Amino acid sequence: HTQFSDLGKAIFENLTMDIKSIDLNKKTV
């Protein structure tokens, strides 16, 4: 169902994900 593609783009269009910290030992971000 291609309709979900447009819905997904609408939901995430304004999403921002900024990295604050990375812990390589614990494998977390």
Full PDB file with SEQRES, HELIX, SHEET, SSBOND, CRYST1, ORIGX, SCALE, CONECT and MASTER records, all heavy atoms in Angstrom:
SEQRES   1 A   29  HIS THR GLN PHE SER ASP LEU GLY LYS ALA ILE PHE GLU          
SEQRES   2 A   29  ASN LEU THR MET ASP ILE LYS SER ILE ASP LEU ASN LYS          
SEQRES   3 A   29  LYS THR VAL                                                  
HELIX    1 AA1 GLN A    3  PHE A   12  1                                  10    
CRYST1    1.000    1.000    1.000  90.00  90.00  90.00 P 1           1          
ORIGX1      1.000000  0.000000  0.000000        0.00000                         
ORIGX2      0.000000  1.000000  0.000000        0.00000                         
ORIGX3      0.000000  0.000000  1.000000        0.00000                         
SCALE1      1.000000  0.000000  0.000000        0.00000                         
SCALE2      0.000000  1.000000  0.000000        0.00000                         
SCALE3      0.000000  0.000000  1.000000        0.00000                         
ATOM      1  N   HIS A   1       0.843  -1.194   0.000  1.00  0.00           N  
ATOM      2  CA  HIS A   1       0.000   0.000   0.000  1.00  0.00           C  
ATOM      3  C   HIS A   1       0.881   1.248   0.000  1.00  0.00           C  
ATOM      4  O   HIS A   1       1.444   1.636   1.011  1.00  0.00           O  
ATOM      5  CB  HIS A   1      -0.933   0.012   1.211  1.00  0.00           C  
ATOM      6  CG  HIS A   1      -1.927  -1.113   1.218  1.00  0.00           C  
ATOM      7  ND1 HIS A   1      -2.996  -1.158   0.362  1.00  0.00           N  
ATOM      8  CD2 HIS A   1      -1.978  -2.259   1.945  1.00  0.00           C  
ATOM      9  CE1 HIS A   1      -3.689  -2.270   0.579  1.00  0.00           C  
ATOM     10  NE2 HIS A   1      -3.084  -2.948   1.528  1.00  0.00           N  
ATOM     11  N   THR A   2       0.968   1.890  -1.153  1.00  0.00           N  
ATOM     12  CA  THR A   2       1.849   3.051  -1.305  1.00  0.00           C  
ATOM     13  C   THR A   2       1.384   4.248  -0.488  1.00  0.00           C  
ATOM     14  O   THR A   2       2.157   5.176  -0.260  1.00  0.00           O  
ATOM     15  CB  THR A   2       1.939   3.464  -2.781  1.00  0.00           C  
ATOM     16  OG1 THR A   2       0.616   3.762  -3.277  1.00  0.00           O  
ATOM     17  CG2 THR A   2       2.526   2.344  -3.625  1.00  0.00           C  
ATOM     18  N   GLN A   3       0.133   4.241  -0.050  1.00  0.00           N  
ATOM     19  CA  GLN A   3      -0.372   5.375   0.731  1.00  0.00           C  
ATOM     20  C   GLN A   3       0.438   5.593   2.009  1.00  0.00           C  
ATOM     21  O   GLN A   3       0.543   6.711   2.502  1.00  0.00           O  
ATOM     22  CB  GLN A   3      -1.842   5.157   1.102  1.00  0.00           C  
ATOM     23  CG  GLN A   3      -2.795   5.077  -0.088  1.00  0.00           C  
ATOM     24  CD  GLN A   3      -2.992   3.658  -0.569  1.00  0.00           C  
ATOM     25  OE1 GLN A   3      -2.167   2.784  -0.306  1.00  0.00           O  
ATOM     26  NE2 GLN A   3      -4.088   3.410  -1.276  1.00  0.00           N  
ATOM     27  N   PHE A   4       1.001   4.512   2.540  1.00  0.00           N  
ATOM     28  CA  PHE A   4       1.735   4.627   3.786  1.00  0.00           C  
ATOM     29  C   PHE A   4       3.037   5.405   3.631  1.00  0.00           C  
ATOM     30  O   PHE A   4       3.552   5.956   4.589  1.00  0.00           O  
ATOM     31  CB  PHE A   4       2.017   3.242   4.360  1.00  0.00           C  
ATOM     32  CG  PHE A   4       0.796   2.568   4.902  1.00  0.00           C  
ATOM     33  CD1 PHE A   4       0.145   1.611   4.151  1.00  0.00           C  
ATOM     34  CD2 PHE A   4       0.290   2.910   6.139  1.00  0.00           C  
ATOM     35  CE1 PHE A   4      -1.000   0.993   4.645  1.00  0.00           C  
ATOM     36  CE2 PHE A   4      -0.848   2.298   6.634  1.00  0.00           C  
ATOM     37  CZ  PHE A   4      -1.488   1.335   5.880  1.00  0.00           C  
ATOM     38  N   SER A   5       3.580   5.426   2.430  1.00  0.00           N  
ATOM     39  CA  SER A   5       4.809   6.175   2.198  1.00  0.00           C  
ATOM     40  C   SER A   5       4.588   7.663   2.437  1.00  0.00           C  
ATOM     41  O   SER A   5       5.372   8.328   3.106  1.00  0.00           O  
ATOM     42  CB  SER A   5       5.311   5.930   0.774  1.00  0.00           C  
ATOM     43  OG  SER A   5       6.486   6.666   0.526  1.00  0.00           O  
ATOM     44  N   ASP A   6       3.500   8.200   1.883  1.00  0.00           N  
ATOM     45  CA  ASP A   6       3.188   9.620   2.081  1.00  0.00           C  
ATOM     46  C   ASP A   6       2.920   9.922   3.549  1.00  0.00           C  
ATOM     47  O   ASP A   6       3.312  10.967   4.068  1.00  0.00           O  
ATOM     48  CB  ASP A   6       1.966  10.014   1.245  1.00  0.00           C  
ATOM     49  CG  ASP A   6       2.266  10.024  -0.245  1.00  0.00           C  
ATOM     50  OD1 ASP A   6       3.454  10.174  -0.605  1.00  0.00           O  
ATOM     51  OD2 ASP A   6       1.321   9.868  -1.041  1.00  0.00           O  
ATOM     52  N   LEU A   7       2.242   8.993   4.223  1.00  0.00           N  
ATOM     53  CA  LEU A   7       1.960   9.191   5.641  1.00  0.00           C  
ATOM     54  C   LEU A   7       3.243   9.184   6.454  1.00  0.00           C  
ATOM     55  O   LEU A   7       3.442  10.002   7.344  1.00  0.00           O  
ATOM     56  CB  LEU A   7       1.009   8.109   6.145  1.00  0.00           C  
ATOM     57  CG  LEU A   7       0.638   8.160   7.623  1.00  0.00           C  
ATOM     58  CD1 LEU A   7       0.031   9.507   7.984  1.00  0.00           C  
ATOM     59  CD2 LEU A   7      -0.327   7.034   7.958  1.00  0.00           C  
ATOM     60  N   GLY A   8       4.139   8.263   6.125  1.00  0.00           N  
ATOM     61  CA  GLY A   8       5.412   8.202   6.837  1.00  0.00           C  
ATOM     62  C   GLY A   8       6.221   9.465   6.665  1.00  0.00           C  
ATOM     63  O   GLY A   8       6.798   9.995   7.615  1.00  0.00           O  
ATOM     64  N   LYS A   9       6.269   9.963   5.441  1.00  0.00           N  
ATOM     65  CA  LYS A   9       7.015  11.196   5.179  1.00  0.00           C  
ATOM     66  C   LYS A   9       6.414  12.363   5.956  1.00  0.00           C  
ATOM     67  O   LYS A   9       7.136  13.227   6.458  1.00  0.00           O  
ATOM     68  CB  LYS A   9       7.015  11.499   3.685  1.00  0.00           C  
ATOM     69  CG  LYS A   9       7.855  10.536   2.871  1.00  0.00           C  
ATOM     70  CD  LYS A   9       7.722  10.804   1.376  1.00  0.00           C  
ATOM     71  CE  LYS A   9       8.517   9.795   0.574  1.00  0.00           C  
ATOM     72  NZ  LYS A   9       8.349   9.981  -0.890  1.00  0.00           N  
ATOM     73  N   ALA A  10       5.079  12.391   6.057  1.00  0.00           N  
ATOM     74  CA  ALA A  10       4.424  13.474   6.797  1.00  0.00           C  
ATOM     75  C   ALA A  10       4.762  13.406   8.281  1.00  0.00           C  
ATOM     76  O   ALA A  10       5.030  14.422   8.926  1.00  0.00           O  
ATOM     77  CB  ALA A  10       2.910  13.406   6.593  1.00  0.00           C  
ATOM     78  N   ILE A  11       4.763  12.197   8.830  1.00  0.00           N  
ATOM     79  CA  ILE A  11       5.044  12.026  10.255  1.00  0.00           C  
ATOM     80  C   ILE A  11       6.469  12.451  10.598  1.00  0.00           C  
ATOM     81  O   ILE A  11       6.712  13.109  11.607  1.00  0.00           O  
ATOM     82  CB  ILE A  11       4.806  10.569  10.684  1.00  0.00           C  
ATOM     83  CG1 ILE A  11       3.308  10.281  10.738  1.00  0.00           C  
ATOM     84  CG2 ILE A  11       5.435  10.284  12.050  1.00  0.00           C  
ATOM     85  CD1 ILE A  11       2.965   8.846  11.087  1.00  0.00           C  
ATOM     86  N   PHE A  12       7.420  12.095   9.745  1.00  0.00           N  
ATOM     87  CA  PHE A  12       8.827  12.309  10.080  1.00  0.00           C  
ATOM     88  C   PHE A  12       9.458  13.523   9.402  1.00  0.00           C  
ATOM     89  O   PHE A  12      10.654  13.779   9.570  1.00  0.00           O  
ATOM     90  CB  PHE A  12       9.626  11.060   9.726  1.00  0.00           C  
ATOM     91  CG  PHE A  12       9.204   9.840  10.479  1.00  0.00           C  
ATOM     92  CD1 PHE A  12       8.596   8.771   9.833  1.00  0.00           C  
ATOM     93  CD2 PHE A  12       9.378   9.759  11.855  1.00  0.00           C  
ATOM     94  CE1 PHE A  12       8.192   7.649  10.531  1.00  0.00           C  
ATOM     95  CE2 PHE A  12       8.977   8.640  12.570  1.00  0.00           C  
ATOM     96  CZ  PHE A  12       8.383   7.583  11.904  1.00  0.00           C  
ATOM     97  N   GLU A  13       8.669  14.282   8.662  1.00  0.00           N  
ATOM     98  CA  GLU A  13       9.210  15.423   7.918  1.00  0.00           C  
ATOM     99  C   GLU A  13       9.966  16.407   8.802  1.00  0.00           C  
ATOM    100  O   GLU A  13      11.002  16.964   8.420  1.00  0.00           O  
ATOM    101  CB  GLU A  13       8.077  16.151   7.190  1.00  0.00           C  
ATOM    102  CG  GLU A  13       8.537  17.360   6.398  1.00  0.00           C  
ATOM    103  CD  GLU A  13       7.396  18.069   5.695  1.00  0.00           C  
ATOM    104  OE1 GLU A  13       6.220  17.668   5.887  1.00  0.00           O  
ATOM    105  OE2 GLU A  13       7.673  19.037   4.951  1.00  0.00           O  
ATOM    106  N   ASN A  14       9.455  16.642   9.998  1.00  0.00           N  
ATOM    107  CA  ASN A  14      10.043  17.647  10.889  1.00  0.00           C  
ATOM    108  C   ASN A  14      10.892  17.047  12.006  1.00  0.00           C  
ATOM    109  O   ASN A  14      11.281  17.743  12.944  1.00  0.00           O  
ATOM    110  CB  ASN A  14       8.938  18.501  11.494  1.00  0.00           C  
ATOM    111  CG  ASN A  14       8.190  19.298  10.450  1.00  0.00           C  
ATOM    112  OD1 ASN A  14       8.647  20.345  10.000  1.00  0.00           O  
ATOM    113  ND2 ASN A  14       7.029  18.796  10.031  1.00  0.00           N  
ATOM    114  N   LEU A  15      11.176  15.763  11.903  1.00  0.00           N  
ATOM    115  CA  LEU A  15      11.970  15.080  12.923  1.00  0.00           C  
ATOM    116  C   LEU A  15      13.420  15.579  12.926  1.00  0.00           C  
ATOM    117  O   LEU A  15      14.037  15.761  11.894  1.00  0.00           O  
ATOM    118  CB  LEU A  15      11.975  13.572  12.649  1.00  0.00           C  
ATOM    119  CG  LEU A  15      12.911  12.714  13.497  1.00  0.00           C  
ATOM    120  CD1 LEU A  15      12.488  12.716  14.954  1.00  0.00           C  
ATOM    121  CD2 LEU A  15      12.963  11.288  12.937  1.00  0.00           C  
ATOM    122  N   THR A  16      13.943  15.802  14.133  1.00  0.00           N  
ATOM    123  CA  THR A  16      15.368  16.098  14.301  1.00  0.00           C  
ATOM    124  C   THR A  16      15.936  15.138  15.330  1.00  0.00           C  
ATOM    125  O   THR A  16      15.299  14.836  16.339  1.00  0.00           O  
ATOM    126  CB  THR A  16      15.619  17.540  14.765  1.00  0.00           C  
ATOM    127  OG1 THR A  16      14.977  17.762  16.022  1.00  0.00           O  
ATOM    128  CG2 THR A  16      15.093  18.543  13.747  1.00  0.00           C  
ATOM    129  N   MET A  17      17.151  14.616  15.053  1.00  0.00           N  
ATOM    130  CA  MET A  17      17.827  13.696  15.967  1.00  0.00           C  
ATOM    131  C   MET A  17      19.267  14.188  16.136  1.00  0.00           C  
ATOM    132  O   MET A  17      20.094  13.993  15.246  1.00  0.00           O  
ATOM    133  CB  MET A  17      17.797  12.267  15.406  1.00  0.00           C  
ATOM    134  CG  MET A  17      16.399  11.691  15.289  1.00  0.00           C  
ATOM    135  SD  MET A  17      16.330  10.116  14.324  1.00  0.00           S  
ATOM    136  CE  MET A  17      17.506   9.103  15.221  1.00  0.00           C  
ATOM    137  N   ASP A  18      19.538  14.827  17.259  1.00  0.00           N  
ATOM    138  CA  ASP A  18      20.866  15.383  17.515  1.00  0.00           C  
ATOM    139  C   ASP A  18      21.599  14.538  18.550  1.00  0.00           C  
ATOM    140  O   ASP A  18      21.081  14.273  19.639  1.00  0.00           O  
ATOM    141  CB  ASP A  18      20.753  16.827  18.021  1.00  0.00           C  
ATOM    142  CG  ASP A  18      20.101  17.744  16.996  1.00  0.00           C  
ATOM    143  OD1 ASP A  18      20.424  17.606  15.805  1.00  0.00           O  
ATOM    144  OD2 ASP A  18      19.259  18.586  17.393  1.00  0.00           O  
ATOM    145  N   ILE A  19      22.804  14.130  18.214  1.00  0.00           N  
ATOM    146  CA  ILE A  19      23.595  13.300  19.121  1.00  0.00           C  
ATOM    147  C   ILE A  19      24.132  14.144  20.278  1.00  0.00           C  
ATOM    148  O   ILE A  19      24.766  15.174  20.066  1.00  0.00           O  
ATOM    149  CB  ILE A  19      24.762  12.637  18.371  1.00  0.00           C  
ATOM    150  CG1 ILE A  19      24.226  11.665  17.315  1.00  0.00           C  
ATOM    151  CG2 ILE A  19      25.680  11.899  19.348  1.00  0.00           C  
ATOM    152  CD1 ILE A  19      25.310  11.024  16.472  1.00  0.00           C  
ATOM    153  N   LYS A  20      23.863  13.677  21.495  1.00  0.00           N  
ATOM    154  CA  LYS A  20      24.370  14.353  22.692  1.00  0.00           C  
ATOM    155  C   LYS A  20      25.639  13.680  23.202  1.00  0.00           C  
ATOM    156  O   LYS A  20      26.577  14.347  23.638  1.00  0.00           O  
ATOM    157  CB  LYS A  20      23.302  14.349  23.791  1.00  0.00           C  
ATOM    158  CG  LYS A  20      21.965  14.942  23.368  1.00  0.00           C  
ATOM    159  CD  LYS A  20      22.077  16.407  22.981  1.00  0.00           C  
ATOM    160  CE  LYS A  20      22.378  17.276  24.188  1.00  0.00           C  
ATOM    161  NZ  LYS A  20      22.405  18.710  23.830  1.00  0.00           N  
ATOM    162  N   SER A  21      25.664  12.342  23.194  1.00  0.00           N  
ATOM    163  CA  SER A  21      26.843  11.626  23.665  1.00  0.00           C  
ATOM    164  C   SER A  21      26.860  10.213  23.099  1.00  0.00           C  
ATOM    165  O   SER A  21      25.814   9.660  22.748  1.00  0.00           O  
ATOM    166  CB  SER A  21      26.880  11.569  25.201  1.00  0.00           C  
ATOM    167  OG  SER A  21      25.772  10.837  25.702  1.00  0.00           O  
ATOM    168  N   ILE A  22      28.070   9.654  23.013  1.00  0.00           N  
ATOM    169  CA  ILE A  22      28.266   8.287  22.526  1.00  0.00           C  
ATOM    170  C   ILE A  22      29.142   7.539  23.520  1.00  0.00           C  
ATOM    171  O   ILE A  22      30.190   8.041  23.915  1.00  0.00           O  
ATOM    172  CB  ILE A  22      28.931   8.275  21.137  1.00  0.00           C  
ATOM    173  CG1 ILE A  22      28.064   8.997  20.101  1.00  0.00           C  
ATOM    174  CG2 ILE A  22      29.221   6.845  20.685  1.00  0.00           C  
ATOM    175  CD1 ILE A  22      28.739   9.182  18.752  1.00  0.00           C  
ATOM    176  N   ASP A  23      28.697   6.356  23.926  1.00  0.00           N  
ATOM    177  CA  ASP A  23      29.491   5.514  24.815  1.00  0.00           C  
ATOM    178  C   ASP A  23      29.818   4.231  24.058  1.00  0.00           C  
ATOM    179  O   ASP A  23      28.982   3.334  23.927  1.00  0.00           O  
ATOM    180  CB  ASP A  23      28.706   5.189  26.099  1.00  0.00           C  
ATOM    181  CG  ASP A  23      29.577   4.517  27.158  1.00  0.00           C  
ATOM    182  OD1 ASP A  23      30.463   3.724  26.776  1.00  0.00           O  
ATOM    183  OD2 ASP A  23      29.361   4.775  28.362  1.00  0.00           O  
ATOM    184  N   LEU A  24      31.039   4.148  23.548  1.00  0.00           N  
ATOM    185  CA  LEU A  24      31.429   3.002  22.744  1.00  0.00           C  
ATOM    186  C   LEU A  24      31.561   1.737  23.572  1.00  0.00           C  
ATOM    187  O   LEU A  24      31.328   0.632  23.069  1.00  0.00           O  
ATOM    188  CB  LEU A  24      32.743   3.293  22.017  1.00  0.00           C  
ATOM    189  CG  LEU A  24      32.719   4.472  21.028  1.00  0.00           C  
ATOM    190  CD1 LEU A  24      34.094   4.659  20.404  1.00  0.00           C  
ATOM    191  CD2 LEU A  24      31.663   4.236  19.945  1.00  0.00           C  
ATOM    192  N   ASN A  25      31.926   1.862  24.826  1.00  0.00           N  
ATOM    193  CA  ASN A  25      32.065   0.688  25.696  1.00  0.00           C  
ATOM    194  C   ASN A  25      30.716   0.040  25.983  1.00  0.00           C  
ATOM    195  O   ASN A  25      30.564  -1.183  25.931  1.00  0.00           O  
ATOM    196  CB  ASN A  25      32.759   1.067  26.996  1.00  0.00           C  
ATOM    197  CG  ASN A  25      34.204   1.474  26.792  1.00  0.00           C  
ATOM    198  OD1 ASN A  25      34.901   0.901  25.948  1.00  0.00           O  
ATOM    199  ND2 ASN A  25      34.665   2.456  27.554  1.00  0.00           N  
ATOM    200  N   LYS A  26      29.721   0.871  26.288  1.00  0.00           N  
ATOM    201  CA  LYS A  26      28.380   0.352  26.574  1.00  0.00           C  
ATOM    202  C   LYS A  26      27.558   0.167  25.302  1.00  0.00           C  
ATOM    203  O   LYS A  26      26.457  -0.393  25.343  1.00  0.00           O  
ATOM    204  CB  LYS A  26      27.645   1.304  27.520  1.00  0.00           C  
ATOM    205  CG  LYS A  26      28.256   1.385  28.907  1.00  0.00           C  
ATOM    206  CD  LYS A  26      27.442   2.315  29.796  1.00  0.00           C  
ATOM    207  CE  LYS A  26      28.020   2.385  31.202  1.00  0.00           C  
ATOM    208  NZ  LYS A  26      27.233   3.291  32.086  1.00  0.00           N  
ATOM    209  N   LYS A  27      28.086   0.657  24.190  1.00  0.00           N  
ATOM    210  CA  LYS A  27      27.385   0.621  22.910  1.00  0.00           C  
ATOM    211  C   LYS A  27      26.022   1.311  23.012  1.00  0.00           C  
ATOM    212  O   LYS A  27      24.971   0.723  22.724  1.00  0.00           O  
ATOM    213  CB  LYS A  27      27.231  -0.815  22.407  1.00  0.00           C  
ATOM    214  CG  LYS A  27      28.547  -1.456  21.982  1.00  0.00           C  
ATOM    215  CD  LYS A  27      28.326  -2.814  21.331  1.00  0.00           C  
ATOM    216  CE  LYS A  27      29.652  -3.389  20.843  1.00  0.00           C  
ATOM    217  NZ  LYS A  27      29.485  -4.708  20.189  1.00  0.00           N  
ATOM    218  N   THR A  28      26.063   2.564  23.423  1.00  0.00           N  
ATOM    219  CA  THR A  28      24.857   3.378  23.520  1.00  0.00           C  
ATOM    220  C   THR A  28      25.107   4.747  22.907  1.00  0.00           C  
ATOM    221  O   THR A  28      26.241   5.223  22.850  1.00  0.00           O  
ATOM    222  CB  THR A  28      24.400   3.576  24.979  1.00  0.00           C  
ATOM    223  OG1 THR A  28      25.431   4.261  25.710  1.00  0.00           O  
ATOM    224  CG2 THR A  28      24.094   2.246  25.645  1.00  0.00           C  
ATOM    225  N   VAL A  29      24.036   5.375  22.473  1.00  0.00           N  
ATOM    226  CA  VAL A  29      24.101   6.746  21.992  1.00  0.00           C  
ATOM    227  C   VAL A  29      22.888   7.487  22.554  1.00  0.00           C  
ATOM    228  O   VAL A  29      21.768   6.971  22.540  1.00  0.00           O  
ATOM    229  CB  VAL A  29      24.121   6.813  20.446  1.00  0.00           C  
ATOM    230  CG1 VAL A  29      22.910   6.120  19.850  1.00  0.00           C  
ATOM    231  CG2 VAL A  29      24.190   8.267  19.971  1.00  0.00           C  
TER     232      VAL A  29                                                      
MASTER        0    0    0    1    0    0    0    6  231    1    0    3          
END                                                                             
